[in-house]
Amino acid sequence: MENGLFWFCLAARESFTFDDIYWIFLHKKYFGHQTSLKDHIALLTQQDEQDEMAGFVQEKMHQAKEKTLNEHLTFDEVFEL
């Protein structure tokens, strides 16, 4: 529970609760406490974050084209971490 994995797995399994779980348990843990919409937008507009995202998207597009997308763990495998 301390690392947020429990909440992530629960949100993935019970998608109707995703928003509540994310905003109550996960967002603050990974992004800190923001008090306004402006604070949240600032997280998305940092140039280094945008640069990293661009490279990530390019890599995923390449993997999709080559049909070599990363394999993902099953729910049970993730829950055992």
PDB file of N, CA and C in Angstrom:
ATOM      1  N   MET A   1       0.817  -1.202   0.000  1.00  0.00           N
ATOM      2  CA  MET A   1       0.000   0.000   0.000  1.00  0.00           C
ATOM      3  C   MET A   1       0.853   1.257   0.000  1.00  0.00           C
ATOM      4  N   GLU A   2       2.009   1.178   0.646  1.00  0.00           N
ATOM      5  CA  GLU A   2       2.832   2.372   0.795  1.00  0.00           C
ATOM      6  C   GLU A   2       3.370   2.898  -0.525  1.00  0.00           C
ATOM      7  N   ASN A   3       3.651   1.995  -1.489  1.00  0.00           N
ATOM      8  CA  ASN A   3       4.199   2.460  -2.755  1.00  0.00           C
ATOM      9  C   ASN A   3       3.112   2.791  -3.785  1.00  0.00           C
ATOM     10  N   GLY A   4       1.850   2.611  -3.439  1.00  0.00           N
ATOM     11  CA  GLY A   4       0.756   2.966  -4.328  1.00  0.00           C
ATOM     12  C   GLY A   4       0.327   1.854  -5.265  1.00  0.00           C
ATOM     13  N   LEU A   5       1.053   0.745  -5.282  1.00  0.00           N
ATOM     14  CA  LEU A   5       0.741  -0.340  -6.203  1.00  0.00           C
ATOM     15  C   LEU A   5      -0.642  -0.929  -5.945  1.00  0.00           C
ATOM     16  N   PHE A   6      -1.003  -1.085  -4.682  1.00  0.00           N
ATOM     17  CA  PHE A   6      -2.330  -1.610  -4.360  1.00  0.00           C
ATOM     18  C   PHE A   6      -3.415  -0.749  -4.986  1.00  0.00           C
ATOM     19  N   TRP A   7      -3.290   0.575  -4.815  1.00  0.00           N
ATOM     20  CA  TRP A   7      -4.314   1.480  -5.332  1.00  0.00           C
ATOM     21  C   TRP A   7      -4.342   1.470  -6.854  1.00  0.00           C
ATOM     22  N   PHE A   8      -3.159   1.388  -7.469  1.00  0.00           N
ATOM     23  CA  PHE A   8      -3.096   1.324  -8.925  1.00  0.00           C
ATOM     24  C   PHE A   8      -3.794   0.068  -9.435  1.00  0.00           C
ATOM     25  N   CYS A   9      -3.495  -1.072  -8.825  1.00  0.00           N
ATOM     26  CA  CYS A   9      -4.107  -2.335  -9.248  1.00  0.00           C
ATOM     27  C   CYS A   9      -5.613  -2.317  -9.028  1.00  0.00           C
ATOM     28  N   LEU A  10      -6.051  -1.776  -7.917  1.00  0.00           N
ATOM     29  CA  LEU A  10      -7.485  -1.678  -7.654  1.00  0.00           C
ATOM     30  C   LEU A  10      -8.160  -0.791  -8.695  1.00  0.00           C
ATOM     31  N   ALA A  11      -7.544   0.325  -9.017  1.00  0.00           N
ATOM     32  CA  ALA A  11      -8.112   1.232 -10.021  1.00  0.00           C
ATOM     33  C   ALA A  11      -8.165   0.563 -11.387  1.00  0.00           C
ATOM     34  N   ALA A  12      -7.140  -0.217 -11.717  1.00  0.00           N
ATOM     35  CA  ALA A  12      -7.116  -0.909 -13.002  1.00  0.00           C
ATOM     36  C   ALA A  12      -8.197  -1.981 -13.065  1.00  0.00           C
ATOM     37  N   ARG A  13      -8.439  -2.622 -11.958  1.00  0.00           N
ATOM     38  CA  ARG A  13      -9.422  -3.706 -11.921  1.00  0.00           C
ATOM     39  C   ARG A  13     -10.851  -3.176 -11.829  1.00  0.00           C
ATOM     40  N   GLU A  14     -11.052  -2.111 -11.113  1.00  0.00           N
ATOM     41  CA  GLU A  14     -12.371  -1.513 -10.915  1.00  0.00           C
ATOM     42  C   GLU A  14     -12.361  -0.127 -11.559  1.00  0.00           C
ATOM     43  N   SER A  15     -12.465  -0.083 -12.873  1.00  0.00           N
ATOM     44  CA  SER A  15     -12.254   1.172 -13.600  1.00  0.00           C
ATOM     45  C   SER A  15     -13.226   2.279 -13.200  1.00  0.00           C
ATOM     46  N   PHE A  16     -14.394   1.931 -12.706  1.00  0.00           N
ATOM     47  CA  PHE A  16     -15.347   2.969 -12.310  1.00  0.00           C
ATOM     48  C   PHE A  16     -14.851   3.765 -11.109  1.00  0.00           C
ATOM     49  N   THR A  17     -13.872   3.230 -10.397  1.00  0.00           N
ATOM     50  CA  THR A  17     -13.327   3.940  -9.235  1.00  0.00           C
ATOM     51  C   THR A  17     -12.002   4.634  -9.535  1.00  0.00           C
ATOM     52  N   PHE A  18     -11.552   4.563 -10.793  1.00  0.00           N
ATOM     53  CA  PHE A  18     -10.222   5.072 -11.126  1.00  0.00           C
ATOM     54  C   PHE A  18     -10.028   6.528 -10.723  1.00  0.00           C
ATOM     55  N   ASP A  19     -10.944   7.407 -11.092  1.00  0.00           N
ATOM     56  CA  ASP A  19     -10.781   8.834 -10.780  1.00  0.00           C
ATOM     57  C   ASP A  19     -10.646   9.075  -9.285  1.00  0.00           C
ATOM     58  N   ASP A  20     -11.526   8.470  -8.507  1.00  0.00           N
ATOM     59  CA  ASP A  20     -11.460   8.664  -7.054  1.00  0.00           C
ATOM     60  C   ASP A  20     -10.141   8.148  -6.483  1.00  0.00           C
ATOM     61  N   ILE A  21      -9.751   6.956  -6.881  1.00  0.00           N
ATOM     62  CA  ILE A  21      -8.505   6.381  -6.367  1.00  0.00           C
ATOM     63  C   ILE A  21      -7.315   7.230  -6.778  1.00  0.00           C
ATOM     64  N   TYR A  22      -7.287   7.646  -8.039  1.00  0.00           N
ATOM     65  CA  TYR A  22      -6.154   8.446  -8.511  1.00  0.00           C
ATOM     66  C   TYR A  22      -6.026   9.742  -7.722  1.00  0.00           C
ATOM     67  N   TRP A  23      -7.126  10.502  -7.651  1.00  0.00           N
ATOM     68  CA  TRP A  23      -7.035  11.826  -7.023  1.00  0.00           C
ATOM     69  C   TRP A  23      -6.882  11.759  -5.507  1.00  0.00           C
ATOM     70  N   ILE A  24      -7.400  10.737  -4.861  1.00  0.00           N
ATOM     71  CA  ILE A  24      -7.300  10.636  -3.401  1.00  0.00           C
ATOM     72  C   ILE A  24      -5.972  10.026  -2.954  1.00  0.00           C
ATOM     73  N   PHE A  25      -5.520   8.967  -3.643  1.00  0.00           N
ATOM     74  CA  PHE A  25      -4.372   8.216  -3.141  1.00  0.00           C
ATOM     75  C   PHE A  25      -3.091   8.352  -3.960  1.00  0.00           C
ATOM     76  N   LEU A  26      -3.193   8.482  -5.262  1.00  0.00           N
ATOM     77  CA  LEU A  26      -1.990   8.413  -6.091  1.00  0.00           C
ATOM     78  C   LEU A  26      -1.415   9.762  -6.490  1.00  0.00           C
ATOM     79  N   HIS A  27      -2.246  10.709  -6.848  1.00  0.00           N
ATOM     80  CA  HIS A  27      -1.761  11.981  -7.387  1.00  0.00           C
ATOM     81  C   HIS A  27      -0.813  12.698  -6.424  1.00  0.00           C
ATOM     82  N   LYS A  28      -1.221  12.846  -5.189  1.00  0.00           N
ATOM     83  CA  LYS A  28      -0.378  13.549  -4.209  1.00  0.00           C
ATOM     84  C   LYS A  28       0.954  12.843  -3.993  1.00  0.00           C
ATOM     85  N   LYS A  29       0.919  11.514  -4.012  1.00  0.00           N
ATOM     86  CA  LYS A  29       2.138  10.738  -3.782  1.00  0.00           C
ATOM     87  C   LYS A  29       3.184  11.013  -4.854  1.00  0.00           C
ATOM     88  N   TYR A  30       2.766  11.134  -6.098  1.00  0.00           N
ATOM     89  CA  TYR A  30       3.722  11.267  -7.194  1.00  0.00           C
ATOM     90  C   TYR A  30       3.913  12.696  -7.683  1.00  0.00           C
ATOM     91  N   PHE A  31       2.939  13.562  -7.457  1.00  0.00           N
ATOM     92  CA  PHE A  31       3.025  14.921  -7.986  1.00  0.00           C
ATOM     93  C   PHE A  31       2.952  15.991  -6.916  1.00  0.00           C
ATOM     94  N   GLY A  32       2.817  15.606  -5.665  1.00  0.00           N
ATOM     95  CA  GLY A  32       2.744  16.587  -4.597  1.00  0.00           C
ATOM     96  C   GLY A  32       1.356  17.197  -4.493  1.00  0.00           C
ATOM     97  N   HIS A  33       1.238  18.141  -3.613  1.00  0.00           N
ATOM     98  CA  HIS A  33      -0.060  18.758  -3.354  1.00  0.00           C
ATOM     99  C   HIS A  33      -0.193  20.043  -4.166  1.00  0.00           C
ATOM    100  N   GLN A  34      -1.065  20.041  -5.143  1.00  0.00           N
ATOM    101  CA  GLN A  34      -1.366  21.252  -5.899  1.00  0.00           C
ATOM    102  C   GLN A  34      -2.735  21.747  -5.466  1.00  0.00           C
ATOM    103  N   THR A  35      -2.855  23.045  -5.384  1.00  0.00           N
ATOM    104  CA  THR A  35      -4.102  23.599  -4.877  1.00  0.00           C
ATOM    105  C   THR A  35      -4.976  24.197  -5.962  1.00  0.00           C
ATOM    106  N   SER A  36      -4.445  24.354  -7.160  1.00  0.00           N
ATOM    107  CA  SER A  36      -5.247  25.005  -8.191  1.00  0.00           C
ATOM    108  C   SER A  36      -5.027  24.337  -9.539  1.00  0.00           C
ATOM    109  N   LEU A  37      -5.905  24.644 -10.462  1.00  0.00           N
ATOM    110  CA  LEU A  37      -5.766  24.147 -11.824  1.00  0.00           C
ATOM    111  C   LEU A  37      -4.461  24.650 -12.440  1.00  0.00           C
ATOM    112  N   LYS A  38      -4.085  25.862 -12.103  1.00  0.00           N
ATOM    113  CA  LYS A  38      -2.834  26.437 -12.613  1.00  0.00           C
ATOM    114  C   LYS A  38      -1.626  25.588 -12.185  1.00  0.00           C
ATOM    115  N   ASP A  39      -1.640  25.107 -10.940  1.00  0.00           N
ATOM    116  CA  ASP A  39      -0.563  24.235 -10.462  1.00  0.00           C
ATOM    117  C   ASP A  39      -0.494  22.942 -11.270  1.00  0.00           C
ATOM    118  N   HIS A  40      -1.663  22.370 -11.565  1.00  0.00           N
ATOM    119  CA  HIS A  40      -1.704  21.130 -12.335  1.00  0.00           C
ATOM    120  C   HIS A  40      -1.213  21.357 -13.763  1.00  0.00           C
ATOM    121  N   ILE A  41      -1.620  22.433 -14.368  1.00  0.00           N
ATOM    122  CA  ILE A  41      -1.198  22.737 -15.734  1.00  0.00           C
ATOM    123  C   ILE A  41       0.311  22.941 -15.793  1.00  0.00           C
ATOM    124  N   ALA A  42       0.864  23.548 -14.757  1.00  0.00           N
ATOM    125  CA  ALA A  42       2.312  23.775 -14.719  1.00  0.00           C
ATOM    126  C   ALA A  42       3.087  22.460 -14.803  1.00  0.00           C
ATOM    127  N   LEU A  43       2.517  21.388 -14.256  1.00  0.00           N
ATOM    128  CA  LEU A  43       3.176  20.084 -14.340  1.00  0.00           C
ATOM    129  C   LEU A  43       3.278  19.595 -15.778  1.00  0.00           C
ATOM    130  N   LEU A  44       2.318  19.984 -16.592  1.00  0.00           N
ATOM    131  CA  LEU A  44       2.269  19.506 -17.972  1.00  0.00           C
ATOM    132  C   LEU A  44       3.005  20.405 -18.948  1.00  0.00           C
ATOM    133  N   THR A  45       3.460  21.543 -18.491  1.00  0.00           N
ATOM    134  CA  THR A  45       4.057  22.501 -19.417  1.00  0.00           C
ATOM    135  C   THR A  45       5.549  22.700 -19.202  1.00  0.00           C
ATOM    136  N   GLN A  46       6.174  21.888 -18.376  1.00  0.00           N
ATOM    137  CA  GLN A  46       7.613  21.996 -18.173  1.00  0.00           C
ATOM    138  C   GLN A  46       8.324  21.418 -19.399  1.00  0.00           C
ATOM    139  N   GLN A  47       9.260  22.163 -19.958  1.00  0.00           N
ATOM    140  CA  GLN A  47       9.895  21.775 -21.216  1.00  0.00           C
ATOM    141  C   GLN A  47      10.594  20.421 -21.133  1.00  0.00           C
ATOM    142  N   ASP A  48      11.284  20.146 -20.030  1.00  0.00           N
ATOM    143  CA  ASP A  48      11.976  18.862 -19.928  1.00  0.00           C
ATOM    144  C   ASP A  48      10.996  17.692 -19.933  1.00  0.00           C
ATOM    145  N   GLU A  49       9.838  17.887 -19.328  1.00  0.00           N
ATOM    146  CA  GLU A  49       8.803  16.849 -19.351  1.00  0.00           C
ATOM    147  C   GLU A  49       8.294  16.641 -20.774  1.00  0.00           C
ATOM    148  N   GLN A  50       8.059  17.723 -21.494  1.00  0.00           N
ATOM    149  CA  GLN A  50       7.589  17.620 -22.872  1.00  0.00           C
ATOM    150  C   GLN A  50       8.628  16.927 -23.743  1.00  0.00           C
ATOM    151  N   ASP A  51       9.905  17.260 -23.541  1.00  0.00           N
ATOM    152  CA  ASP A  51      10.972  16.640 -24.328  1.00  0.00           C
ATOM    153  C   ASP A  51      11.032  15.136 -24.086  1.00  0.00           C
ATOM    154  N   GLU A  52      10.912  14.728 -22.835  1.00  0.00           N
ATOM    155  CA  GLU A  52      10.918  13.303 -22.514  1.00  0.00           C
ATOM    156  C   GLU A  52       9.712  12.605 -23.124  1.00  0.00           C
ATOM    157  N   MET A  53       8.559  13.235 -23.082  1.00  0.00           N
ATOM    158  CA  MET A  53       7.351  12.633 -23.632  1.00  0.00           C
ATOM    159  C   MET A  53       7.476  12.454 -25.142  1.00  0.00           C
ATOM    160  N   ALA A  54       8.067  13.435 -25.823  1.00  0.00           N
ATOM    161  CA  ALA A  54       8.230  13.341 -27.275  1.00  0.00           C
ATOM    162  C   ALA A  54       9.068  12.117 -27.639  1.00  0.00           C
ATOM    163  N   GLY A  55      10.158  11.888 -26.925  1.00  0.00           N
ATOM    164  CA  GLY A  55      10.995  10.721 -27.184  1.00  0.00           C
ATOM    165  C   GLY A  55      10.271   9.420 -26.890  1.00  0.00           C
ATOM    166  N   PHE A  56       9.501   9.406 -25.820  1.00  0.00           N
ATOM    167  CA  PHE A  56       8.727   8.224 -25.443  1.00  0.00           C
ATOM    168  C   PHE A  56       7.703   7.884 -26.525  1.00  0.00           C
ATOM    169  N   VAL A  57       7.003   8.902 -27.008  1.00  0.00           N
ATOM    170  CA  VAL A  57       5.991   8.689 -28.054  1.00  0.00           C
ATOM    171  C   VAL A  57       6.655   8.174 -29.326  1.00  0.00           C
ATOM    172  N   GLN A  58       7.789   8.754 -29.705  1.00  0.00           N
ATOM    173  CA  GLN A  58       8.509   8.290 -30.898  1.00  0.00           C
ATOM    174  C   GLN A  58       8.894   6.818 -30.761  1.00  0.00           C
ATOM    175  N   GLU A  59       9.405   6.439 -29.595  1.00  0.00           N
ATOM    176  CA  GLU A  59       9.796   5.048 -29.369  1.00  0.00           C
ATOM    177  C   GLU A  59       8.591   4.115 -29.468  1.00  0.00           C
ATOM    178  N   LYS A  60       7.470   4.502 -28.875  1.00  0.00           N
ATOM    179  CA  LYS A  60       6.267   3.667 -28.930  1.00  0.00           C
ATOM    180  C   LYS A  60       5.725   3.565 -30.355  1.00  0.00           C
ATOM    181  N   MET A  61       5.802   4.641 -31.115  1.00  0.00           N
ATOM    182  CA  MET A  61       5.362   4.598 -32.516  1.00  0.00           C
ATOM    183  C   MET A  61       6.252   3.640 -33.313  1.00  0.00           C
ATOM    184  N   HIS A  62       7.545   3.683 -33.062  1.00  0.00           N
ATOM    185  CA  HIS A  62       8.482   2.776 -33.734  1.00  0.00           C
ATOM    186  C   HIS A  62       8.180   1.325 -33.351  1.00  0.00           C
ATOM    187  N   GLN A  63       7.958   1.072 -32.066  1.00  0.00           N
ATOM    188  CA  GLN A  63       7.636  -0.279 -31.610  1.00  0.00           C
ATOM    189  C   GLN A  63       6.337  -0.777 -32.241  1.00  0.00           C
ATOM    190  N   ALA A  64       5.344   0.097 -32.353  1.00  0.00           N
ATOM    191  CA  ALA A  64       4.069  -0.300 -32.955  1.00  0.00           C
ATOM    192  C   ALA A  64       4.264  -0.653 -34.427  1.00  0.00           C
ATOM    193  N   LYS A  65       5.051   0.139 -35.117  1.00  0.00           N
ATOM    194  CA  LYS A  65       5.310  -0.107 -36.540  1.00  0.00           C
ATOM    195  C   LYS A  65       6.038  -1.436 -36.738  1.00  0.00           C
ATOM    196  N   GLU A  66       6.998  -1.723 -35.868  1.00  0.00           N
ATOM    197  CA  GLU A  66       7.786  -2.951 -35.961  1.00  0.00           C
ATOM    198  C   GLU A  66       7.101  -4.135 -35.274  1.00  0.00           C
ATOM    199  N   LYS A  67       5.953  -3.874 -34.658  1.00  0.00           N
ATOM    200  CA  LYS A  67       5.211  -4.893 -33.900  1.00  0.00           C
ATOM    201  C   LYS A  67       6.078  -5.512 -32.797  1.00  0.00           C
ATOM    202  N   THR A  68       6.777  -4.638 -32.068  1.00  0.00           N
ATOM    203  CA  THR A  68       7.649  -5.084 -30.977  1.00  0.00           C
ATOM    204  C   THR A  68       7.308  -4.367 -29.674  1.00  0.00           C
ATOM    205  N   LEU A  69       6.039  -4.091 -29.444  1.00  0.00           N
ATOM    206  CA  LEU A  69       5.650  -3.414 -28.211  1.00  0.00           C
ATOM    207  C   LEU A  69       6.082  -4.236 -27.005  1.00  0.00           C
ATOM    208  N   ASN A  70       6.403  -3.554 -25.936  1.00  0.00           N
ATOM    209  CA  ASN A  70       6.829  -4.227 -24.711  1.00  0.00           C
ATOM    210  C   ASN A  70       5.728  -5.137 -24.201  1.00  0.00           C
ATOM    211  N   GLU A  71       6.130  -6.294 -23.706  1.00  0.00           N
ATOM    212  CA  GLU A  71       5.165  -7.176 -23.070  1.00  0.00           C
ATOM    213  C   GLU A  71       4.884  -6.642 -21.674  1.00  0.00           C
ATOM    214  N   HIS A  72       3.665  -6.818 -21.224  1.00  0.00           N
ATOM    215  CA  HIS A  72       3.277  -6.317 -19.910  1.00  0.00           C
ATOM    216  C   HIS A  72       2.969  -7.481 -18.986  1.00  0.00           C
ATOM    217  N   LEU A  73       3.118  -7.225 -17.728  1.00  0.00           N
ATOM    218  CA  LEU A  73       2.817  -8.229 -16.720  1.00  0.00           C
ATOM    219  C   LEU A  73       1.310  -8.402 -16.588  1.00  0.00           C
ATOM    220  N   THR A  74       0.899  -9.590 -16.192  1.00  0.00           N
ATOM    221  CA  THR A  74      -0.509  -9.808 -15.888  1.00  0.00           C
ATOM    222  C   THR A  74      -0.839  -9.091 -14.584  1.00  0.00           C
ATOM    223  N   PHE A  75      -2.115  -8.973 -14.290  1.00  0.00           N
ATOM    224  CA  PHE A  75      -2.534  -8.342 -13.042  1.00  0.00           C
ATOM    225  C   PHE A  75      -1.914  -9.062 -11.849  1.00  0.00           C
ATOM    226  N   ASP A  76      -1.957 -10.390 -11.862  1.00  0.00           N
ATOM    227  CA  ASP A  76      -1.411 -11.159 -10.739  1.00  0.00           C
ATOM    228  C   ASP A  76       0.096 -10.955 -10.600  1.00  0.00           C
ATOM    229  N   GLU A  77       0.818 -10.885 -11.723  1.00  0.00           N
ATOM    230  CA  GLU A  77       2.263 -10.655 -11.667  1.00  0.00           C
ATOM    231  C   GLU A  77       2.576  -9.276 -11.089  1.00  0.00           C
ATOM    232  N   VAL A  78       1.810  -8.277 -11.485  1.00  0.00           N
ATOM    233  CA  VAL A  78       2.012  -6.927 -10.963  1.00  0.00           C
ATOM    234  C   VAL A  78       1.699  -6.898  -9.475  1.00  0.00           C
ATOM    235  N   PHE A  79       0.624  -7.542  -9.085  1.00  0.00           N
ATOM    236  CA  PHE A  79       0.203  -7.522  -7.689  1.00  0.00           C
ATOM    237  C   PHE A  79       1.227  -8.198  -6.783  1.00  0.00           C
ATOM    238  N   GLU A  80       2.007  -9.146  -7.331  1.00  0.00           N
ATOM    239  CA  GLU A  80       3.028  -9.841  -6.545  1.00  0.00           C
ATOM    240  C   GLU A  80       4.279  -8.997  -6.334  1.00  0.00           C
ATOM    241  N   LEU A  81       4.445  -7.893  -7.073  1.00  0.00           N
ATOM    242  CA  LEU A  81       5.658  -7.068  -6.945  1.00  0.00           C
ATOM    243  C   LEU A  81       5.845  -6.532  -5.566  1.00  0.00           C
TER     244      LEU A  81
END
